[in-house]
Amino acid sequence: MDDPAKAIVAVSFFVTVAYTIRSIAGAFVARKGEDARVGNGTGSSLTDARLARIEQSVDAIALEVERISEGQRFTTKLLSENARAYQKPASRQLSSNTPT
């Protein structure tokens, strides 16, 4: 990749995906652990456990969405700063009565 901005975007994308996969795997493992603990509980305790897992999952998703948006804001900021750094200054026009 010739453009450093493309490399930054690619790296931030893959880091975000890795964090998302890690969070989903962690939620899955936690769910399996809770299922083993709950075991043969009553119907209402199963419902309470299920609602707790849903709440935990929603919180994890919200956290990951926030990380994604932070990554996008950071990438956009870097790209706009790089675009400003590489802009050429406007060349001055000589007046028409200047001798050559």
PDB file of N, CA and C in Angstrom:
ATOM      1  N   MET A   1       0.831  -1.172   0.000  1.00  0.00           N
ATOM      2  CA  MET A   1       0.000   0.000   0.000  1.00  0.00           C
ATOM      3  C   MET A   1       0.881   1.243   0.000  1.00  0.00           C
ATOM      4  N   ASP A   2       0.670   2.076  -0.974  1.00  0.00           N
ATOM      5  CA  ASP A   2       1.461   3.297  -1.092  1.00  0.00           C
ATOM      6  C   ASP A   2       0.967   4.385  -0.149  1.00  0.00           C
ATOM      7  N   ASP A   3      -0.324   4.442   0.059  1.00  0.00           N
ATOM      8  CA  ASP A   3      -0.930   5.500   0.854  1.00  0.00           C
ATOM      9  C   ASP A   3      -0.976   5.089   2.323  1.00  0.00           C
ATOM     10  N   PRO A   4      -0.360   5.860   3.216  1.00  0.00           N
ATOM     11  CA  PRO A   4      -0.390   5.496   4.639  1.00  0.00           C
ATOM     12  C   PRO A   4      -1.800   5.543   5.225  1.00  0.00           C
ATOM     13  N   ALA A   5      -2.670   6.354   4.654  1.00  0.00           N
ATOM     14  CA  ALA A   5      -4.047   6.438   5.153  1.00  0.00           C
ATOM     15  C   ALA A   5      -4.768   5.110   4.945  1.00  0.00           C
ATOM     16  N   LYS A   6      -4.500   4.453   3.822  1.00  0.00           N
ATOM     17  CA  LYS A   6      -5.134   3.151   3.563  1.00  0.00           C
ATOM     18  C   LYS A   6      -4.658   2.112   4.577  1.00  0.00           C
ATOM     19  N   ALA A   7      -3.399   2.177   4.926  1.00  0.00           N
ATOM     20  CA  ALA A   7      -2.861   1.246   5.918  1.00  0.00           C
ATOM     21  C   ALA A   7      -3.492   1.495   7.281  1.00  0.00           C
ATOM     22  N   ILE A   8      -3.673   2.748   7.636  1.00  0.00           N
ATOM     23  CA  ILE A   8      -4.297   3.078   8.917  1.00  0.00           C
ATOM     24  C   ILE A   8      -5.730   2.573   8.955  1.00  0.00           C
ATOM     25  N   VAL A   9      -6.461   2.773   7.873  1.00  0.00           N
ATOM     26  CA  VAL A   9      -7.849   2.305   7.808  1.00  0.00           C
ATOM     27  C   VAL A   9      -7.892   0.789   7.928  1.00  0.00           C
ATOM     28  N   ALA A  10      -7.009   0.102   7.219  1.00  0.00           N
ATOM     29  CA  ALA A  10      -7.001  -1.361   7.260  1.00  0.00           C
ATOM     30  C   ALA A  10      -6.670  -1.876   8.655  1.00  0.00           C
ATOM     31  N   VAL A  11      -5.677  -1.308   9.286  1.00  0.00           N
ATOM     32  CA  VAL A  11      -5.287  -1.751  10.625  1.00  0.00           C
ATOM     33  C   VAL A  11      -6.409  -1.490  11.620  1.00  0.00           C
ATOM     34  N   SER A  12      -7.006  -0.306  11.581  1.00  0.00           N
ATOM     35  CA  SER A  12      -8.089   0.001  12.526  1.00  0.00           C
ATOM     36  C   SER A  12      -9.292  -0.899  12.290  1.00  0.00           C
ATOM     37  N   PHE A  13      -9.563  -1.243  11.041  1.00  0.00           N
ATOM     38  CA  PHE A  13     -10.668  -2.156  10.742  1.00  0.00           C
ATOM     39  C   PHE A  13     -10.411  -3.532  11.348  1.00  0.00           C
ATOM     40  N   PHE A  14      -9.223  -4.073  11.142  1.00  0.00           N
ATOM     41  CA  PHE A  14      -8.928  -5.408  11.649  1.00  0.00           C
ATOM     42  C   PHE A  14      -8.860  -5.448  13.177  1.00  0.00           C
ATOM     43  N   VAL A  15      -8.399  -4.388  13.792  1.00  0.00           N
ATOM     44  CA  VAL A  15      -8.386  -4.333  15.263  1.00  0.00           C
ATOM     45  C   VAL A  15      -9.820  -4.309  15.789  1.00  0.00           C
ATOM     46  N   THR A  16     -10.677  -3.544  15.145  1.00  0.00           N
ATOM     47  CA  THR A  16     -12.082  -3.491  15.549  1.00  0.00           C
ATOM     48  C   THR A  16     -12.754  -4.843  15.402  1.00  0.00           C
ATOM     49  N   VAL A  17     -12.486  -5.526  14.298  1.00  0.00           N
ATOM     50  CA  VAL A  17     -13.057  -6.855  14.091  1.00  0.00           C
ATOM     51  C   VAL A  17     -12.542  -7.825  15.146  1.00  0.00           C
ATOM     52  N   ALA A  18     -11.265  -7.740  15.481  1.00  0.00           N
ATOM     53  CA  ALA A  18     -10.705  -8.642  16.495  1.00  0.00           C
ATOM     54  C   ALA A  18     -11.357  -8.415  17.853  1.00  0.00           C
ATOM     55  N   TYR A  19     -11.552  -7.158  18.245  1.00  0.00           N
ATOM     56  CA  TYR A  19     -12.216  -6.867  19.517  1.00  0.00           C
ATOM     57  C   TYR A  19     -13.656  -7.372  19.517  1.00  0.00           C
ATOM     58  N   THR A  20     -14.337  -7.219  18.388  1.00  0.00           N
ATOM     59  CA  THR A  20     -15.723  -7.675  18.297  1.00  0.00           C
ATOM     60  C   THR A  20     -15.796  -9.185  18.441  1.00  0.00           C
ATOM     61  N   ILE A  21     -14.930  -9.903  17.760  1.00  0.00           N
ATOM     62  CA  ILE A  21     -14.925 -11.365  17.850  1.00  0.00           C
ATOM     63  C   ILE A  21     -14.590 -11.798  19.275  1.00  0.00           C
ATOM     64  N   ARG A  22     -13.649 -11.115  19.898  1.00  0.00           N
ATOM     65  CA  ARG A  22     -13.274 -11.440  21.281  1.00  0.00           C
ATOM     66  C   ARG A  22     -14.452 -11.245  22.229  1.00  0.00           C
ATOM     67  N   SER A  23     -15.187 -10.169  22.058  1.00  0.00           N
ATOM     68  CA  SER A  23     -16.330  -9.898  22.929  1.00  0.00           C
ATOM     69  C   SER A  23     -17.445 -10.915  22.730  1.00  0.00           C
ATOM     70  N   ILE A  24     -17.700 -11.271  21.493  1.00  0.00           N
ATOM     71  CA  ILE A  24     -18.740 -12.266  21.212  1.00  0.00           C
ATOM     72  C   ILE A  24     -18.336 -13.613  21.792  1.00  0.00           C
ATOM     73  N   ALA A  25     -17.080 -13.983  21.645  1.00  0.00           N
ATOM     74  CA  ALA A  25     -16.612 -15.256  22.206  1.00  0.00           C
ATOM     75  C   ALA A  25     -16.700 -15.236  23.724  1.00  0.00           C
ATOM     76  N   GLY A  26     -16.354 -14.120  24.344  1.00  0.00           N
ATOM     77  CA  GLY A  26     -16.454 -14.002  25.799  1.00  0.00           C
ATOM     78  C   GLY A  26     -17.886 -14.119  26.285  1.00  0.00           C
ATOM     79  N   ALA A  27     -18.818 -13.493  25.554  1.00  0.00           N
ATOM     80  CA  ALA A  27     -20.230 -13.591  25.922  1.00  0.00           C
ATOM     81  C   ALA A  27     -20.720 -15.029  25.770  1.00  0.00           C
ATOM     82  N   PHE A  28     -20.256 -15.711  24.732  1.00  0.00           N
ATOM     83  CA  PHE A  28     -20.658 -17.102  24.504  1.00  0.00           C
ATOM     84  C   PHE A  28     -20.157 -17.999  25.629  1.00  0.00           C
ATOM     85  N   VAL A  29     -18.900 -17.806  26.022  1.00  0.00           N
ATOM     86  CA  VAL A  29     -18.330 -18.610  27.110  1.00  0.00           C
ATOM     87  C   VAL A  29     -19.057 -18.316  28.422  1.00  0.00           C
ATOM     88  N   ALA A  30     -19.352 -17.055  28.687  1.00  0.00           N
ATOM     89  CA  ALA A  30     -20.079 -16.692  29.906  1.00  0.00           C
ATOM     90  C   ALA A  30     -21.474 -17.306  29.908  1.00  0.00           C
ATOM     91  N   ARG A  31     -22.091 -17.325  28.760  1.00  0.00           N
ATOM     92  CA  ARG A  31     -23.428 -17.922  28.654  1.00  0.00           C
ATOM     93  C   ARG A  31     -23.377 -19.405  28.957  1.00  0.00           C
ATOM     94  N   LYS A  32     -22.395 -20.089  28.412  1.00  0.00           N
ATOM     95  CA  LYS A  32     -22.261 -21.530  28.674  1.00  0.00           C
ATOM     96  C   LYS A  32     -22.023 -21.786  30.159  1.00  0.00           C
ATOM     97  N   GLY A  33     -21.232 -20.947  30.806  1.00  0.00           N
ATOM     98  CA  GLY A  33     -20.974 -21.093  32.233  1.00  0.00           C
ATOM     99  C   GLY A  33     -22.234 -20.871  33.060  1.00  0.00           C
ATOM    100  N   GLU A  34     -23.044 -19.891  32.677  1.00  0.00           N
ATOM    101  CA  GLU A  34     -24.289 -19.631  33.396  1.00  0.00           C
ATOM    102  C   GLU A  34     -25.279 -20.759  33.189  1.00  0.00           C
ATOM    103  N   ASP A  35     -25.306 -21.318  31.973  1.00  0.00           N
ATOM    104  CA  ASP A  35     -26.206 -22.451  31.716  1.00  0.00           C
ATOM    105  C   ASP A  35     -25.843 -23.637  32.600  1.00  0.00           C
ATOM    106  N   ALA A  36     -24.573 -23.866  32.800  1.00  0.00           N
ATOM    107  CA  ALA A  36     -24.137 -24.984  33.633  1.00  0.00           C
ATOM    108  C   ALA A  36     -24.486 -24.736  35.095  1.00  0.00           C
ATOM    109  N   ARG A  37     -24.365 -23.474  35.542  1.00  0.00           N
ATOM    110  CA  ARG A  37     -24.694 -23.154  36.932  1.00  0.00           C
ATOM    111  C   ARG A  37     -26.180 -23.207  37.198  1.00  0.00           C
ATOM    112  N   VAL A  38     -26.971 -22.696  36.257  1.00  0.00           N
ATOM    113  CA  VAL A  38     -28.416 -22.650  36.449  1.00  0.00           C
ATOM    114  C   VAL A  38     -28.975 -24.068  36.517  1.00  0.00           C
ATOM    115  N   GLY A  39     -28.507 -24.913  35.618  1.00  0.00           N
ATOM    116  CA  GLY A  39     -28.884 -26.323  35.642  1.00  0.00           C
ATOM    117  C   GLY A  39     -30.372 -26.560  35.703  1.00  0.00           C
ATOM    118  N   ASN A  40     -30.841 -27.125  36.809  1.00  0.00           N
ATOM    119  CA  ASN A  40     -32.235 -27.518  36.937  1.00  0.00           C
ATOM    120  C   ASN A  40     -33.028 -26.537  37.792  1.00  0.00           C
ATOM    121  N   GLY A  41     -32.870 -25.247  37.569  1.00  0.00           N
ATOM    122  CA  GLY A  41     -33.603 -24.244  38.335  1.00  0.00           C
ATOM    123  C   GLY A  41     -35.054 -24.168  37.914  1.00  0.00           C
ATOM    124  N   THR A  42     -35.822 -23.362  38.605  1.00  0.00           N
ATOM    125  CA  THR A  42     -37.232 -23.189  38.267  1.00  0.00           C
ATOM    126  C   THR A  42     -37.368 -22.315  37.041  1.00  0.00           C
ATOM    127  N   GLY A  43     -38.579 -22.222  36.517  1.00  0.00           N
ATOM    128  CA  GLY A  43     -38.835 -21.460  35.295  1.00  0.00           C
ATOM    129  C   GLY A  43     -38.540 -19.990  35.449  1.00  0.00           C
ATOM    130  N   SER A  44     -38.901 -19.383  36.585  1.00  0.00           N
ATOM    131  CA  SER A  44     -38.673 -17.951  36.759  1.00  0.00           C
ATOM    132  C   SER A  44     -37.182 -17.628  36.899  1.00  0.00           C
ATOM    133  N   SER A  45     -36.427 -18.506  37.557  1.00  0.00           N
ATOM    134  CA  SER A  45     -34.989 -18.250  37.664  1.00  0.00           C
ATOM    135  C   SER A  45     -34.306 -18.414  36.309  1.00  0.00           C
ATOM    136  N   LEU A  46     -34.828 -19.319  35.484  1.00  0.00           N
ATOM    137  CA  LEU A  46     -34.290 -19.457  34.123  1.00  0.00           C
ATOM    138  C   LEU A  46     -34.576 -18.200  33.312  1.00  0.00           C
ATOM    139  N   THR A  47     -35.763 -17.658  33.492  1.00  0.00           N
ATOM    140  CA  THR A  47     -36.115 -16.428  32.784  1.00  0.00           C
ATOM    141  C   THR A  47     -35.247 -15.268  33.260  1.00  0.00           C
ATOM    142  N   ASP A  48     -35.033 -15.181  34.558  1.00  0.00           N
ATOM    143  CA  ASP A  48     -34.179 -14.125  35.097  1.00  0.00           C
ATOM    144  C   ASP A  48     -32.749 -14.258  34.581  1.00  0.00           C
ATOM    145  N   ALA A  49     -32.252 -15.477  34.525  1.00  0.00           N
ATOM    146  CA  ALA A  49     -30.898 -15.707  34.018  1.00  0.00           C
ATOM    147  C   ALA A  49     -30.813 -15.344  32.542  1.00  0.00           C
ATOM    148  N   ARG A  50     -31.849 -15.689  31.801  1.00  0.00           N
ATOM    149  CA  ARG A  50     -31.862 -15.372  30.362  1.00  0.00           C
ATOM    150  C   ARG A  50     -31.888 -13.867  30.153  1.00  0.00           C
ATOM    151  N   LEU A  51     -32.707 -13.160  30.921  1.00  0.00           N
ATOM    152  CA  LEU A  51     -32.756 -11.698  30.804  1.00  0.00           C
ATOM    153  C   LEU A  51     -31.424 -11.066  31.194  1.00  0.00           C
ATOM    154  N   ALA A  52     -30.768 -11.623  32.191  1.00  0.00           N
ATOM    155  CA  ALA A  52     -29.451 -11.102  32.586  1.00  0.00           C
ATOM    156  C   ALA A  52     -28.444 -11.292  31.459  1.00  0.00           C
ATOM    157  N   ARG A  53     -28.498 -12.424  30.792  1.00  0.00           N
ATOM    158  CA  ARG A  53     -27.581 -12.668  29.664  1.00  0.00           C
ATOM    159  C   ARG A  53     -27.877 -11.725  28.508  1.00  0.00           C
ATOM    160  N   ILE A  54     -29.162 -11.488  28.248  1.00  0.00           N
ATOM    161  CA  ILE A  54     -29.522 -10.559  27.174  1.00  0.00           C
ATOM    162  C   ILE A  54     -29.014  -9.162  27.497  1.00  0.00           C
ATOM    163  N   GLU A  55     -29.187  -8.750  28.748  1.00  0.00           N
ATOM    164  CA  GLU A  55     -28.699  -7.435  29.156  1.00  0.00           C
ATOM    165  C   GLU A  55     -27.185  -7.337  29.011  1.00  0.00           C
ATOM    166  N   GLN A  56     -26.485  -8.388  29.397  1.00  0.00           N
ATOM    167  CA  GLN A  56     -25.027  -8.405  29.263  1.00  0.00           C
ATOM    168  C   GLN A  56     -24.620  -8.346  27.794  1.00  0.00           C
ATOM    169  N   SER A  57     -25.342  -9.058  26.955  1.00  0.00           N
ATOM    170  CA  SER A  57     -25.031  -9.056  25.523  1.00  0.00           C
ATOM    171  C   SER A  57     -25.264  -7.684  24.912  1.00  0.00           C
ATOM    172  N   VAL A  58     -26.368  -7.043  25.284  1.00  0.00           N
ATOM    173  CA  VAL A  58     -26.664  -5.710  24.758  1.00  0.00           C
ATOM    174  C   VAL A  58     -25.585  -4.723  25.207  1.00  0.00           C
ATOM    175  N   ASP A  59     -25.148  -4.824  26.453  1.00  0.00           N
ATOM    176  CA  ASP A  59     -24.071  -3.950  26.930  1.00  0.00           C
ATOM    177  C   ASP A  59     -22.779  -4.184  26.154  1.00  0.00           C
ATOM    178  N   ALA A  60     -22.464  -5.444  25.871  1.00  0.00           N
ATOM    179  CA  ALA A  60     -21.252  -5.751  25.103  1.00  0.00           C
ATOM    180  C   ALA A  60     -21.348  -5.210  23.687  1.00  0.00           C
ATOM    181  N   ILE A  61     -22.522  -5.330  23.082  1.00  0.00           N
ATOM    182  CA  ILE A  61     -22.718  -4.812  21.721  1.00  0.00           C
ATOM    183  C   ILE A  61     -22.587  -3.294  21.712  1.00  0.00           C
ATOM    184  N   ALA A  62     -23.166  -2.634  22.719  1.00  0.00           N
ATOM    185  CA  ALA A  62     -23.070  -1.176  22.794  1.00  0.00           C
ATOM    186  C   ALA A  62     -21.620  -0.733  22.926  1.00  0.00           C
ATOM    187  N   LEU A  63     -20.852  -1.457  23.718  1.00  0.00           N
ATOM    188  CA  LEU A  63     -19.441  -1.136  23.878  1.00  0.00           C
ATOM    189  C   LEU A  63     -18.689  -1.298  22.555  1.00  0.00           C
ATOM    190  N   GLU A  64     -18.976  -2.359  21.834  1.00  0.00           N
ATOM    191  CA  GLU A  64     -18.292  -2.585  20.556  1.00  0.00           C
ATOM    192  C   GLU A  64     -18.686  -1.545  19.518  1.00  0.00           C
ATOM    193  N   VAL A  65     -19.946  -1.152  19.498  1.00  0.00           N
ATOM    194  CA  VAL A  65     -20.382  -0.111  18.560  1.00  0.00           C
ATOM    195  C   VAL A  65     -19.668   1.203  18.880  1.00  0.00           C
ATOM    196  N   GLU A  66     -19.504   1.494  20.154  1.00  0.00           N
ATOM    197  CA  GLU A  66     -18.772   2.703  20.546  1.00  0.00           C
ATOM    198  C   GLU A  66     -17.311   2.622  20.101  1.00  0.00           C
ATOM    199  N   ARG A  67     -16.691   1.451  20.229  1.00  0.00           N
ATOM    200  CA  ARG A  67     -15.300   1.293  19.764  1.00  0.00           C
ATOM    201  C   ARG A  67     -15.203   1.483  18.261  1.00  0.00           C
ATOM    202  N   ILE A  68     -16.181   0.946  17.541  1.00  0.00           N
ATOM    203  CA  ILE A  68     -16.180   1.106  16.078  1.00  0.00           C
ATOM    204  C   ILE A  68     -16.296   2.582  15.719  1.00  0.00           C
ATOM    205  N   SER A  69     -17.219   3.289  16.379  1.00  0.00           N
ATOM    206  CA  SER A  69     -17.396   4.704  16.055  1.00  0.00           C
ATOM    207  C   SER A  69     -16.163   5.521  16.430  1.00  0.00           C
ATOM    208  N   GLU A  70     -15.504   5.169  17.545  1.00  0.00           N
ATOM    209  CA  GLU A  70     -14.261   5.855  17.905  1.00  0.00           C
ATOM    210  C   GLU A  70     -13.189   5.620  16.847  1.00  0.00           C
ATOM    211  N   GLY A  71     -13.087   4.390  16.363  1.00  0.00           N
ATOM    212  CA  GLY A  71     -12.123   4.083  15.312  1.00  0.00           C
ATOM    213  C   GLY A  71     -12.405   4.858  14.041  1.00  0.00           C
ATOM    214  N   GLN A  72     -13.680   4.979  13.696  1.00  0.00           N
ATOM    215  CA  GLN A  72     -14.033   5.724  12.494  1.00  0.00           C
ATOM    216  C   GLN A  72     -13.728   7.216  12.663  1.00  0.00           C
ATOM    217  N   ARG A  73     -14.018   7.763  13.839  1.00  0.00           N
ATOM    218  CA  ARG A  73     -13.696   9.180  14.073  1.00  0.00           C
ATOM    219  C   ARG A  73     -12.188   9.409  14.003  1.00  0.00           C
ATOM    220  N   PHE A  74     -11.418   8.502  14.595  1.00  0.00           N
ATOM    221  CA  PHE A  74      -9.964   8.628  14.576  1.00  0.00           C
ATOM    222  C   PHE A  74      -9.433   8.551  13.146  1.00  0.00           C
ATOM    223  N   THR A  75      -9.933   7.584  12.386  1.00  0.00           N
ATOM    224  CA  THR A  75      -9.488   7.414  11.003  1.00  0.00           C
ATOM    225  C   THR A  75      -9.855   8.630  10.167  1.00  0.00           C
ATOM    226  N   THR A  76     -11.058   9.136  10.337  1.00  0.00           N
ATOM    227  CA  THR A  76     -11.483  10.317   9.593  1.00  0.00           C
ATOM    228  C   THR A  76     -10.613  11.514   9.928  1.00  0.00           C
ATOM    229  N   LYS A  77     -10.280  11.663  11.205  1.00  0.00           N
ATOM    230  CA  LYS A  77      -9.419  12.766  11.630  1.00  0.00           C
ATOM    231  C   LYS A  77      -8.048  12.656  10.977  1.00  0.00           C
ATOM    232  N   LEU A  78      -7.472  11.445  10.985  1.00  0.00           N
ATOM    233  CA  LEU A  78      -6.155  11.261  10.367  1.00  0.00           C
ATOM    234  C   LEU A  78      -6.196  11.530   8.869  1.00  0.00           C
ATOM    235  N   LEU A  79      -7.232  11.040   8.215  1.00  0.00           N
ATOM    236  CA  LEU A  79      -7.332  11.251   6.768  1.00  0.00           C
ATOM    237  C   LEU A  79      -7.488  12.731   6.435  1.00  0.00           C
ATOM    238  N   SER A  80      -8.268  13.461   7.222  1.00  0.00           N
ATOM    239  CA  SER A  80      -8.438  14.886   6.936  1.00  0.00           C
ATOM    240  C   SER A  80      -7.145  15.660   7.210  1.00  0.00           C
ATOM    241  N   GLU A  81      -6.409  15.260   8.262  1.00  0.00           N
ATOM    242  CA  GLU A  81      -5.130  15.921   8.545  1.00  0.00           C
ATOM    243  C   GLU A  81      -4.120  15.636   7.435  1.00  0.00           C
ATOM    244  N   ASN A  82      -4.085  14.400   6.949  1.00  0.00           N
ATOM    245  CA  ASN A  82      -3.160  14.056   5.865  1.00  0.00           C
ATOM    246  C   ASN A  82      -3.535  14.780   4.584  1.00  0.00           C
ATOM    247  N   ALA A  83      -4.817  14.934   4.322  1.00  0.00           N
ATOM    248  CA  ALA A  83      -5.243  15.637   3.110  1.00  0.00           C
ATOM    249  C   ALA A  83      -4.813  17.094   3.163  1.00  0.00           C
ATOM    250  N   ARG A  84      -4.923  17.705   4.341  1.00  0.00           N
ATOM    251  CA  ARG A  84      -4.491  19.104   4.473  1.00  0.00           C
ATOM    252  C   ARG A  84      -2.977  19.238   4.345  1.00  0.00           C
ATOM    253  N   ALA A  85      -2.239  18.247   4.802  1.00  0.00           N
ATOM    254  CA  ALA A  85      -0.773  18.320   4.758  1.00  0.00           C
ATOM    255  C   ALA A  85      -0.248  18.196   3.332  1.00  0.00           C
ATOM    256  N   TYR A  86      -0.975  17.452   2.491  1.00  0.00           N
ATOM    257  CA  TYR A  86      -0.491  17.224   1.131  1.00  0.00           C
ATOM    258  C   TYR A  86      -1.042  18.202   0.111  1.00  0.00           C
ATOM    259  N   GLN A  87      -1.847  19.158   0.509  1.00  0.00           N
ATOM    260  CA  GLN A  87      -2.379  20.124  -0.440  1.00  0.00           C
ATOM    261  C   GLN A  87      -1.276  21.089  -0.865  1.00  0.00           C
ATOM    262  N   LYS A  88      -1.245  21.364  -2.161  1.00  0.00           N
ATOM    263  CA  LYS A  88      -0.261  22.314  -2.686  1.00  0.00           C
ATOM    264  C   LYS A  88      -0.757  23.738  -2.444  1.00  0.00           C
ATOM    265  N   PRO A  89       0.151  24.624  -2.124  1.00  0.00           N
ATOM    266  CA  PRO A  89      -0.278  26.025  -2.013  1.00  0.00           C
ATOM    267  C   PRO A  89      -0.622  26.563  -3.404  1.00  0.00           C
ATOM    268  N   ALA A  90      -1.555  27.446  -3.462  1.00  0.00           N
ATOM    269  CA  ALA A  90      -1.976  28.013  -4.746  1.00  0.00           C
ATOM    270  C   ALA A  90      -0.829  28.825  -5.340  1.00  0.00           C
ATOM    271  N   SER A  91      -0.551  28.592  -6.628  1.00  0.00           N
ATOM    272  CA  SER A  91       0.523  29.340  -7.276  1.00  0.00           C
ATOM    273  C   SER A  91       0.012  30.743  -7.621  1.00  0.00           C
ATOM    274  N   ARG A  92       0.911  31.704  -7.503  1.00  0.00           N
ATOM    275  CA  ARG A  92       0.524  33.083  -7.765  1.00  0.00           C
ATOM    276  C   ARG A  92       0.516  33.346  -9.258  1.00  0.00           C
ATOM    277  N   GLN A  93      -0.494  34.056  -9.683  1.00  0.00           N
ATOM    278  CA  GLN A  93      -0.606  34.451 -11.088  1.00  0.00           C
ATOM    279  C   GLN A  93       0.151  35.766 -11.288  1.00  0.00           C
ATOM    280  N   LEU A  94       0.945  35.818 -12.334  1.00  0.00           N
ATOM    281  CA  LEU A  94       1.641  37.071 -12.655  1.00  0.00           C
ATOM    282  C   LEU A  94       0.692  37.985 -13.406  1.00  0.00           C
ATOM    283  N   SER A  95       0.863  39.258 -13.171  1.00  0.00           N
ATOM    284  CA  SER A  95      -0.009  40.194 -13.895  1.00  0.00           C
ATOM    285  C   SER A  95       0.351  40.200 -15.367  1.00  0.00           C
ATOM    286  N   SER A  96      -0.587  40.590 -16.188  1.00  0.00           N
ATOM    287  CA  SER A  96      -0.398  40.512 -17.621  1.00  0.00           C
ATOM    288  C   SER A  96       0.636  41.530 -18.148  1.00  0.00           C
ATOM    289  N   ASN A  97       0.925  42.584 -17.416  1.00  0.00           N
ATOM    290  CA  ASN A  97       1.867  43.589 -17.929  1.00  0.00           C
ATOM    291  C   ASN A  97       3.285  43.323 -17.440  1.00  0.00           C
ATOM    292  N   THR A  98       3.564  42.181 -16.846  1.00  0.00           N
ATOM    293  CA  THR A  98       4.901  41.852 -16.386  1.00  0.00           C
ATOM    294  C   THR A  98       5.747  41.399 -17.578  1.00  0.00           C
ATOM    295  N   PRO A  99       6.925  41.964 -17.752  1.00  0.00           N
ATOM    296  CA  PRO A  99       7.770  41.520 -18.860  1.00  0.00           C
ATOM    297  C   PRO A  99       8.316  40.132 -18.595  1.00  0.00           C
ATOM    298  N   THR A 100       8.496  39.373 -19.657  1.00  0.00           N
ATOM    299  CA  THR A 100       9.024  38.031 -19.524  1.00  0.00           C
ATOM    300  C   THR A 100      10.455  37.922 -19.935  1.00  0.00           C
TER     301      THR A 100
END
